[in-house]
Amino acid sequence: MPEIALKHERIAAVLAREIRSGLVRRGAQLPGEVELAKRFSVSRNTVRSALAVLTEDGLITTRTGKGSFVLFDGRPLDGRLGWTHALAEQGVETRMRTVKIALEQDLELADRLGLSSPDVIVIERLRQLVNGAAISIERSRIPAVTSLRDLPERGLENGSITATLHRAGLHLDHCEQRLRGRPLDAAEAELLGRPEGTWFLHTERTSFTADNTFAEYADSLLDPEHFELSLSYGH
């Protein structure tokens, strides 16, 4: 005889279908335990068991006191060409607000990468979900070559850093990336609308062209309630 699914497994299956079909939008918050318990006429313990199944399957992530949030797609995001590109590939709808585009000097970056000039164009942007919630601060430094020095006045090409670099003849080929966690400072917390000291994922990506010319240093703070690091091992 076929095995009869338990209540929480049936509820998990229904919610999983709604998430995968797009009925529950990526990045959206699921209803609370009480509301779900009423919807399925079960106890809150049964709802918790169903949410645990969805968490195990990589469809949601749950934070105590915060609720359950749908992961952007339950699949890995390839951020080598930037989070905008990675999220767009999976159909995730976000919007970017440019906070700053300015010509500055970064002596530390120039020294670390052996650059001939410390002049860089600094681009700082805030990423938000369609409901307005801010989920990341993304700061890029690109070389202030002749064709890019007027970027603070004219803005990005179609709102894209990658397109802007391509127009300047800088085609991203490979990168080095590091990730750690760190607390938000006061300015970052204010921009994101979070308490100072809130822990975010911090990624640093340095990208180069095929001939190893420096193209971009991207420093991003990502909300761990919506981004997570997944590691796979094997042959």
C-alpha atoms as a PDB file:
ATOM      1  CA  MET A   1       0.000   0.000   0.000  1.00  0.00           C
ATOM      2  CA  PRO A   2       1.254   3.547  -0.715  1.00  0.00           C
ATOM      3  CA  GLU A   3       2.443   5.418   2.351  1.00  0.00           C
ATOM      4  CA  ILE A   4      -0.064   8.004   3.616  1.00  0.00           C
ATOM      5  CA  ALA A   5       1.532  11.441   4.064  1.00  0.00           C
ATOM      6  CA  LEU A   6       1.335  12.986   7.510  1.00  0.00           C
ATOM      7  CA  LYS A   7      -0.547  16.267   8.010  1.00  0.00           C
ATOM      8  CA  HIS A   8       2.567  18.402   8.150  1.00  0.00           C
ATOM      9  CA  GLU A   9       3.926  16.730   5.006  1.00  0.00           C
ATOM     10  CA  ARG A  10       0.700  17.484   3.113  1.00  0.00           C
ATOM     11  CA  ILE A  11       0.820  21.124   4.254  1.00  0.00           C
ATOM     12  CA  ALA A  12       4.495  21.371   3.267  1.00  0.00           C
ATOM     13  CA  ALA A  13       3.647  19.962  -0.181  1.00  0.00           C
ATOM     14  CA  VAL A  14       0.907  22.582  -0.710  1.00  0.00           C
ATOM     15  CA  LEU A  15       3.166  25.461   0.338  1.00  0.00           C
ATOM     16  CA  ALA A  16       6.047  24.111  -1.752  1.00  0.00           C
ATOM     17  CA  ARG A  17       3.820  24.079  -4.851  1.00  0.00           C
ATOM     18  CA  GLU A  18       2.768  27.683  -4.179  1.00  0.00           C
ATOM     19  CA  ILE A  19       6.394  28.775  -3.768  1.00  0.00           C
ATOM     20  CA  ARG A  20       7.698  26.957  -6.855  1.00  0.00           C
ATOM     21  CA  SER A  21       4.792  28.143  -9.013  1.00  0.00           C
ATOM     22  CA  GLY A  22       5.418  31.773  -8.051  1.00  0.00           C
ATOM     23  CA  LEU A  23       2.064  32.161  -6.284  1.00  0.00           C
ATOM     24  CA  VAL A  24       4.109  33.130  -3.233  1.00  0.00           C
ATOM     25  CA  ARG A  25       6.539  35.730  -4.562  1.00  0.00           C
ATOM     26  CA  ARG A  26      10.249  35.212  -4.036  1.00  0.00           C
ATOM     27  CA  GLY A  27      11.381  37.291  -1.085  1.00  0.00           C
ATOM     28  CA  ALA A  28       7.829  37.495   0.315  1.00  0.00           C
ATOM     29  CA  GLN A  29       7.052  36.736   3.944  1.00  0.00           C
ATOM     30  CA  LEU A  30       4.843  33.729   4.548  1.00  0.00           C
ATOM     31  CA  PRO A  31       1.730  34.082   6.738  1.00  0.00           C
ATOM     32  CA  GLY A  32       2.350  33.557  10.466  1.00  0.00           C
ATOM     33  CA  GLU A  33       1.893  30.256  12.263  1.00  0.00           C
ATOM     34  CA  VAL A  34      -1.540  31.248  13.624  1.00  0.00           C
ATOM     35  CA  GLU A  35      -2.831  32.189  10.167  1.00  0.00           C
ATOM     36  CA  LEU A  36      -1.467  29.010   8.603  1.00  0.00           C
ATOM     37  CA  ALA A  37      -2.942  26.917  11.406  1.00  0.00           C
ATOM     38  CA  LYS A  38      -6.380  28.442  10.709  1.00  0.00           C
ATOM     39  CA  ARG A  39      -6.009  27.964   6.960  1.00  0.00           C
ATOM     40  CA  PHE A  40      -5.197  24.247   7.243  1.00  0.00           C
ATOM     41  CA  SER A  41      -7.260  23.594  10.424  1.00  0.00           C
ATOM     42  CA  VAL A  42      -4.283  22.165  12.295  1.00  0.00           C
ATOM     43  CA  SER A  43      -2.271  23.004  15.387  1.00  0.00           C
ATOM     44  CA  ARG A  44       0.648  25.410  15.414  1.00  0.00           C
ATOM     45  CA  ASN A  45       2.973  22.463  16.166  1.00  0.00           C
ATOM     46  CA  THR A  46       1.870  20.856  12.905  1.00  0.00           C
ATOM     47  CA  VAL A  47       2.545  24.124  11.076  1.00  0.00           C
ATOM     48  CA  ARG A  48       6.008  24.304  12.631  1.00  0.00           C
ATOM     49  CA  SER A  49       6.734  20.775  11.407  1.00  0.00           C
ATOM     50  CA  ALA A  50       5.600  21.738   7.895  1.00  0.00           C
ATOM     51  CA  LEU A  51       7.846  24.828   7.920  1.00  0.00           C
ATOM     52  CA  ALA A  52      10.741  22.659   9.076  1.00  0.00           C
ATOM     53  CA  VAL A  53      10.252  20.479   5.981  1.00  0.00           C
ATOM     54  CA  LEU A  54      10.322  23.555   3.725  1.00  0.00           C
ATOM     55  CA  THR A  55      13.461  24.782   5.477  1.00  0.00           C
ATOM     56  CA  GLU A  56      15.133  21.390   5.015  1.00  0.00           C
ATOM     57  CA  ASP A  57      14.220  21.493   1.310  1.00  0.00           C
ATOM     58  CA  GLY A  58      15.841  24.930   0.961  1.00  0.00           C
ATOM     59  CA  LEU A  59      12.596  26.719   0.069  1.00  0.00           C
ATOM     60  CA  ILE A  60      12.398  29.021   3.089  1.00  0.00           C
ATOM     61  CA  THR A  61      14.550  30.269   5.892  1.00  0.00           C
ATOM     62  CA  THR A  62      13.092  30.923   9.339  1.00  0.00           C
ATOM     63  CA  ARG A  63      14.356  33.445  11.888  1.00  0.00           C
ATOM     64  CA  THR A  64      13.050  33.389  15.450  1.00  0.00           C
ATOM     65  CA  GLY A  65      10.663  36.274  16.006  1.00  0.00           C
ATOM     66  CA  LYS A  66      10.880  37.323  12.356  1.00  0.00           C
ATOM     67  CA  GLY A  67       8.834  34.741  10.455  1.00  0.00           C
ATOM     68  CA  SER A  68       9.566  32.624   7.418  1.00  0.00           C
ATOM     69  CA  PHE A  69      10.896  34.071   4.191  1.00  0.00           C
ATOM     70  CA  VAL A  70      11.054  32.489   0.775  1.00  0.00           C
ATOM     71  CA  LEU A  71      14.628  32.228  -0.448  1.00  0.00           C
ATOM     72  CA  PHE A  72      15.202  33.983  -3.720  1.00  0.00           C
ATOM     73  CA  ASP A  73      14.956  30.723  -5.589  1.00  0.00           C
ATOM     74  CA  GLY A  74      16.128  27.878  -3.389  1.00  0.00           C
ATOM     75  CA  ARG A  75      19.029  27.503  -5.829  1.00  0.00           C
ATOM     76  CA  PRO A  76      22.549  28.963  -5.896  1.00  0.00           C
ATOM     77  CA  LEU A  77      23.019  32.510  -7.191  1.00  0.00           C
ATOM     78  CA  ASP A  78      26.106  33.079  -9.312  1.00  0.00           C
ATOM     79  CA  GLY A  79      27.286  36.499  -8.179  1.00  0.00           C
ATOM     80  CA  ARG A  80      30.461  36.683 -10.255  1.00  0.00           C
ATOM     81  CA  LEU A  81      28.905  39.316 -12.540  1.00  0.00           C
ATOM     82  CA  GLY A  82      27.073  41.059  -9.706  1.00  0.00           C
ATOM     83  CA  TRP A  83      23.923  40.423  -7.716  1.00  0.00           C
ATOM     84  CA  THR A  84      21.694  42.254 -10.209  1.00  0.00           C
ATOM     85  CA  HIS A  85      22.680  39.814 -12.944  1.00  0.00           C
ATOM     86  CA  ALA A  86      22.474  36.794 -10.639  1.00  0.00           C
ATOM     87  CA  LEU A  87      19.025  37.676  -9.299  1.00  0.00           C
ATOM     88  CA  ALA A  88      17.665  38.609 -12.726  1.00  0.00           C
ATOM     89  CA  GLU A  89      18.718  35.193 -14.057  1.00  0.00           C
ATOM     90  CA  GLN A  90      16.374  33.599 -11.509  1.00  0.00           C
ATOM     91  CA  GLY A  91      13.502  36.029 -12.139  1.00  0.00           C
ATOM     92  CA  VAL A  92      13.869  37.818  -8.799  1.00  0.00           C
ATOM     93  CA  GLU A  93      12.313  41.281  -8.918  1.00  0.00           C
ATOM     94  CA  THR A  94      14.299  43.936  -7.051  1.00  0.00           C
ATOM     95  CA  ARG A  95      15.054  47.591  -7.638  1.00  0.00           C
ATOM     96  CA  MET A  96      18.243  49.551  -7.148  1.00  0.00           C
ATOM     97  CA  ARG A  97      18.586  53.060  -5.759  1.00  0.00           C
ATOM     98  CA  THR A  98      21.857  54.808  -6.495  1.00  0.00           C
ATOM     99  CA  VAL A  99      23.177  56.468  -3.347  1.00  0.00           C
ATOM    100  CA  LYS A 100      26.448  57.824  -4.730  1.00  0.00           C
ATOM    101  CA  ILE A 101      28.608  57.977  -7.851  1.00  0.00           C
ATOM    102  CA  ALA A 102      31.830  59.896  -7.249  1.00  0.00           C
ATOM    103  CA  LEU A 103      35.440  60.187  -8.380  1.00  0.00           C
ATOM    104  CA  GLU A 104      37.677  59.379  -5.403  1.00  0.00           C
ATOM    105  CA  GLN A 105      41.097  58.033  -4.538  1.00  0.00           C
ATOM    106  CA  ASP A 106      41.582  54.616  -2.909  1.00  0.00           C
ATOM    107  CA  LEU A 107      45.236  54.336  -1.938  1.00  0.00           C
ATOM    108  CA  GLU A 108      44.739  51.032  -0.107  1.00  0.00           C
ATOM    109  CA  LEU A 109      43.138  49.343  -3.144  1.00  0.00           C
ATOM    110  CA  ALA A 110      45.796  50.739  -5.478  1.00  0.00           C
ATOM    111  CA  ASP A 111      48.556  49.443  -3.220  1.00  0.00           C
ATOM    112  CA  ARG A 112      46.950  46.002  -2.799  1.00  0.00           C
ATOM    113  CA  LEU A 113      46.398  45.478  -6.546  1.00  0.00           C
ATOM    114  CA  GLY A 114      49.482  47.319  -7.753  1.00  0.00           C
ATOM    115  CA  LEU A 115      47.453  49.876  -9.714  1.00  0.00           C
ATOM    116  CA  SER A 116      49.267  52.724 -11.473  1.00  0.00           C
ATOM    117  CA  SER A 117      46.678  55.263 -10.241  1.00  0.00           C
ATOM    118  CA  PRO A 118      44.588  55.409  -7.045  1.00  0.00           C
ATOM    119  CA  ASP A 119      41.748  57.178  -8.897  1.00  0.00           C
ATOM    120  CA  VAL A 120      38.521  55.163  -8.898  1.00  0.00           C
ATOM    121  CA  ILE A 121      34.837  55.749  -9.534  1.00  0.00           C
ATOM    122  CA  VAL A 122      32.888  54.808  -6.400  1.00  0.00           C
ATOM    123  CA  ILE A 123      29.329  53.580  -6.997  1.00  0.00           C
ATOM    124  CA  GLU A 124      27.126  52.911  -3.959  1.00  0.00           C
ATOM    125  CA  ARG A 125      23.647  51.437  -4.413  1.00  0.00           C
ATOM    126  CA  LEU A 126      20.844  50.176  -2.196  1.00  0.00           C
ATOM    127  CA  ARG A 127      18.908  47.081  -3.315  1.00  0.00           C
ATOM    128  CA  GLN A 128      15.252  46.781  -2.305  1.00  0.00           C
ATOM    129  CA  LEU A 129      12.507  44.215  -2.726  1.00  0.00           C
ATOM    130  CA  VAL A 130       9.330  45.265  -4.517  1.00  0.00           C
ATOM    131  CA  ASN A 131       7.699  45.828  -1.117  1.00  0.00           C
ATOM    132  CA  GLY A 132      10.366  48.433  -0.325  1.00  0.00           C
ATOM    133  CA  ALA A 133      12.408  46.396   2.171  1.00  0.00           C
ATOM    134  CA  ALA A 134      16.157  47.043   1.762  1.00  0.00           C
ATOM    135  CA  ILE A 135      18.199  43.842   1.515  1.00  0.00           C
ATOM    136  CA  SER A 136      21.683  44.951   0.519  1.00  0.00           C
ATOM    137  CA  ILE A 137      24.181  47.754   0.118  1.00  0.00           C
ATOM    138  CA  GLU A 138      26.433  47.242  -2.897  1.00  0.00           C
ATOM    139  CA  ARG A 139      29.533  49.396  -3.318  1.00  0.00           C
ATOM    140  CA  SER A 140      31.738  49.161  -6.388  1.00  0.00           C
ATOM    141  CA  ARG A 141      35.059  50.745  -7.257  1.00  0.00           C
ATOM    142  CA  ILE A 142      35.969  50.775 -10.928  1.00  0.00           C
ATOM    143  CA  PRO A 143      39.091  52.272 -12.553  1.00  0.00           C
ATOM    144  CA  ALA A 144      38.731  55.941 -13.457  1.00  0.00           C
ATOM    145  CA  VAL A 145      39.975  55.502 -17.012  1.00  0.00           C
ATOM    146  CA  THR A 146      39.435  58.401 -19.414  1.00  0.00           C
ATOM    147  CA  SER A 147      36.122  57.106 -20.757  1.00  0.00           C
ATOM    148  CA  LEU A 148      34.699  56.702 -17.227  1.00  0.00           C
ATOM    149  CA  ARG A 149      35.842  59.879 -15.466  1.00  0.00           C
ATOM    150  CA  ASP A 150      32.606  61.721 -16.333  1.00  0.00           C
ATOM    151  CA  LEU A 151      30.458  58.882 -14.910  1.00  0.00           C
ATOM    152  CA  PRO A 152      29.349  60.957 -11.870  1.00  0.00           C
ATOM    153  CA  GLU A 153      27.740  63.428 -14.289  1.00  0.00           C
ATOM    154  CA  ARG A 154      26.233  61.071 -16.892  1.00  0.00           C
ATOM    155  CA  GLY A 155      25.354  58.043 -14.727  1.00  0.00           C
ATOM    156  CA  LEU A 156      25.480  54.310 -15.450  1.00  0.00           C
ATOM    157  CA  GLU A 157      24.772  52.792 -18.840  1.00  0.00           C
ATOM    158  CA  ASN A 158      21.176  51.502 -18.601  1.00  0.00           C
ATOM    159  CA  GLY A 159      21.634  51.460 -14.819  1.00  0.00           C
ATOM    160  CA  SER A 160      24.169  48.636 -15.139  1.00  0.00           C
ATOM    161  CA  ILE A 161      27.773  48.619 -13.936  1.00  0.00           C
ATOM    162  CA  THR A 162      28.595  45.666 -16.211  1.00  0.00           C
ATOM    163  CA  ALA A 163      27.187  47.468 -19.275  1.00  0.00           C
ATOM    164  CA  THR A 164      29.109  50.605 -18.306  1.00  0.00           C
ATOM    165  CA  LEU A 165      32.357  48.636 -18.038  1.00  0.00           C
ATOM    166  CA  HIS A 166      31.724  46.925 -21.380  1.00  0.00           C
ATOM    167  CA  ARG A 167      31.261  50.288 -23.058  1.00  0.00           C
ATOM    168  CA  ALA A 168      34.638  51.343 -21.670  1.00  0.00           C
ATOM    169  CA  GLY A 169      36.235  48.171 -23.067  1.00  0.00           C
ATOM    170  CA  LEU A 170      36.487  46.390 -19.696  1.00  0.00           C
ATOM    171  CA  HIS A 171      34.938  42.927 -20.099  1.00  0.00           C
ATOM    172  CA  LEU A 172      34.768  40.908 -16.872  1.00  0.00           C
ATOM    173  CA  ASP A 173      36.415  37.501 -17.224  1.00  0.00           C
ATOM    174  CA  HIS A 174      37.362  36.136 -13.784  1.00  0.00           C
ATOM    175  CA  CYS A 175      37.280  37.187 -10.150  1.00  0.00           C
ATOM    176  CA  GLU A 176      38.354  36.489  -6.594  1.00  0.00           C
ATOM    177  CA  GLN A 177      35.669  36.545  -3.901  1.00  0.00           C
ATOM    178  CA  ARG A 178      35.630  36.382  -0.117  1.00  0.00           C
ATOM    179  CA  LEU A 179      32.708  36.204   2.312  1.00  0.00           C
ATOM    180  CA  ARG A 180      32.371  36.757   6.044  1.00  0.00           C
ATOM    181  CA  GLY A 181      29.877  38.217   8.496  1.00  0.00           C
ATOM    182  CA  ARG A 182      30.132  41.597  10.203  1.00  0.00           C
ATOM    183  CA  PRO A 183      27.862  44.068  12.041  1.00  0.00           C
ATOM    184  CA  LEU A 184      26.465  47.174  10.350  1.00  0.00           C
ATOM    185  CA  ASP A 185      27.988  50.491  11.320  1.00  0.00           C
ATOM    186  CA  ALA A 186      25.783  53.487  12.113  1.00  0.00           C
ATOM    187  CA  ALA A 187      25.660  54.872   8.546  1.00  0.00           C
ATOM    188  CA  GLU A 188      24.938  51.465   7.006  1.00  0.00           C
ATOM    189  CA  ALA A 189      22.244  50.727   9.563  1.00  0.00           C
ATOM    190  CA  GLU A 190      20.513  54.041   8.860  1.00  0.00           C
ATOM    191  CA  LEU A 191      20.592  53.439   5.096  1.00  0.00           C
ATOM    192  CA  LEU A 192      19.145  49.928   5.462  1.00  0.00           C
ATOM    193  CA  GLY A 193      16.650  50.857   8.165  1.00  0.00           C
ATOM    194  CA  ARG A 194      18.122  48.332  10.617  1.00  0.00           C
ATOM    195  CA  PRO A 195      19.500  48.600  14.157  1.00  0.00           C
ATOM    196  CA  GLU A 196      23.192  49.423  14.348  1.00  0.00           C
ATOM    197  CA  GLY A 197      25.219  46.266  14.973  1.00  0.00           C
ATOM    198  CA  THR A 198      22.878  43.976  12.987  1.00  0.00           C
ATOM    199  CA  TRP A 199      24.955  41.211  11.414  1.00  0.00           C
ATOM    200  CA  PHE A 200      25.038  41.029   7.600  1.00  0.00           C
ATOM    201  CA  LEU A 201      26.953  38.880   5.148  1.00  0.00           C
ATOM    202  CA  HIS A 202      29.896  40.813   3.749  1.00  0.00           C
ATOM    203  CA  THR A 203      31.241  39.833   0.323  1.00  0.00           C
ATOM    204  CA  GLU A 204      34.283  41.258  -1.433  1.00  0.00           C
ATOM    205  CA  ARG A 205      34.676  40.498  -5.136  1.00  0.00           C
ATOM    206  CA  THR A 206      37.637  41.663  -7.236  1.00  0.00           C
ATOM    207  CA  SER A 207      37.093  41.205 -10.979  1.00  0.00           C
ATOM    208  CA  PHE A 208      39.564  41.272 -13.850  1.00  0.00           C
ATOM    209  CA  THR A 209      39.520  41.174 -17.639  1.00  0.00           C
ATOM    210  CA  ALA A 210      40.977  38.237 -19.586  1.00  0.00           C
ATOM    211  CA  ASP A 211      44.427  39.915 -19.606  1.00  0.00           C
ATOM    212  CA  ASN A 212      44.256  40.441 -15.800  1.00  0.00           C
ATOM    213  CA  THR A 213      43.474  44.143 -15.992  1.00  0.00           C
ATOM    214  CA  PHE A 214      41.617  45.328 -12.883  1.00  0.00           C
ATOM    215  CA  ALA A 215      37.950  45.999 -13.715  1.00  0.00           C
ATOM    216  CA  GLU A 216      35.928  46.186 -10.480  1.00  0.00           C
ATOM    217  CA  TYR A 217      36.142  45.808  -6.723  1.00  0.00           C
ATOM    218  CA  ALA A 218      32.655  45.132  -5.321  1.00  0.00           C
ATOM    219  CA  ASP A 219      32.021  45.339  -1.579  1.00  0.00           C
ATOM    220  CA  SER A 220      28.495  44.133  -0.682  1.00  0.00           C
ATOM    221  CA  LEU A 221      26.507  43.809   2.542  1.00  0.00           C
ATOM    222  CA  LEU A 222      23.738  41.203   2.143  1.00  0.00           C
ATOM    223  CA  ASP A 223      20.789  40.578   4.451  1.00  0.00           C
ATOM    224  CA  PRO A 224      21.262  36.979   5.733  1.00  0.00           C
ATOM    225  CA  GLU A 225      17.485  36.603   5.990  1.00  0.00           C
ATOM    226  CA  HIS A 226      17.406  36.637   2.176  1.00  0.00           C
ATOM    227  CA  PHE A 227      20.878  35.493   1.156  1.00  0.00           C
ATOM    228  CA  GLU A 228      22.715  32.438   2.374  1.00  0.00           C
ATOM    229  CA  LEU A 229      25.968  30.664   1.564  1.00  0.00           C
ATOM    230  CA  SER A 230      25.644  27.078   0.374  1.00  0.00           C
ATOM    231  CA  LEU A 231      28.721  24.859   0.026  1.00  0.00           C
ATOM    232  CA  SER A 232      28.789  21.540  -1.834  1.00  0.00           C
ATOM    233  CA  TYR A 233      31.616  19.015  -1.708  1.00  0.00           C
ATOM    234  CA  GLY A 234      32.315  16.080  -3.961  1.00  0.00           C
ATOM    235  CA  HIS A 235      34.291  14.864  -6.948  1.00  0.00           C
END
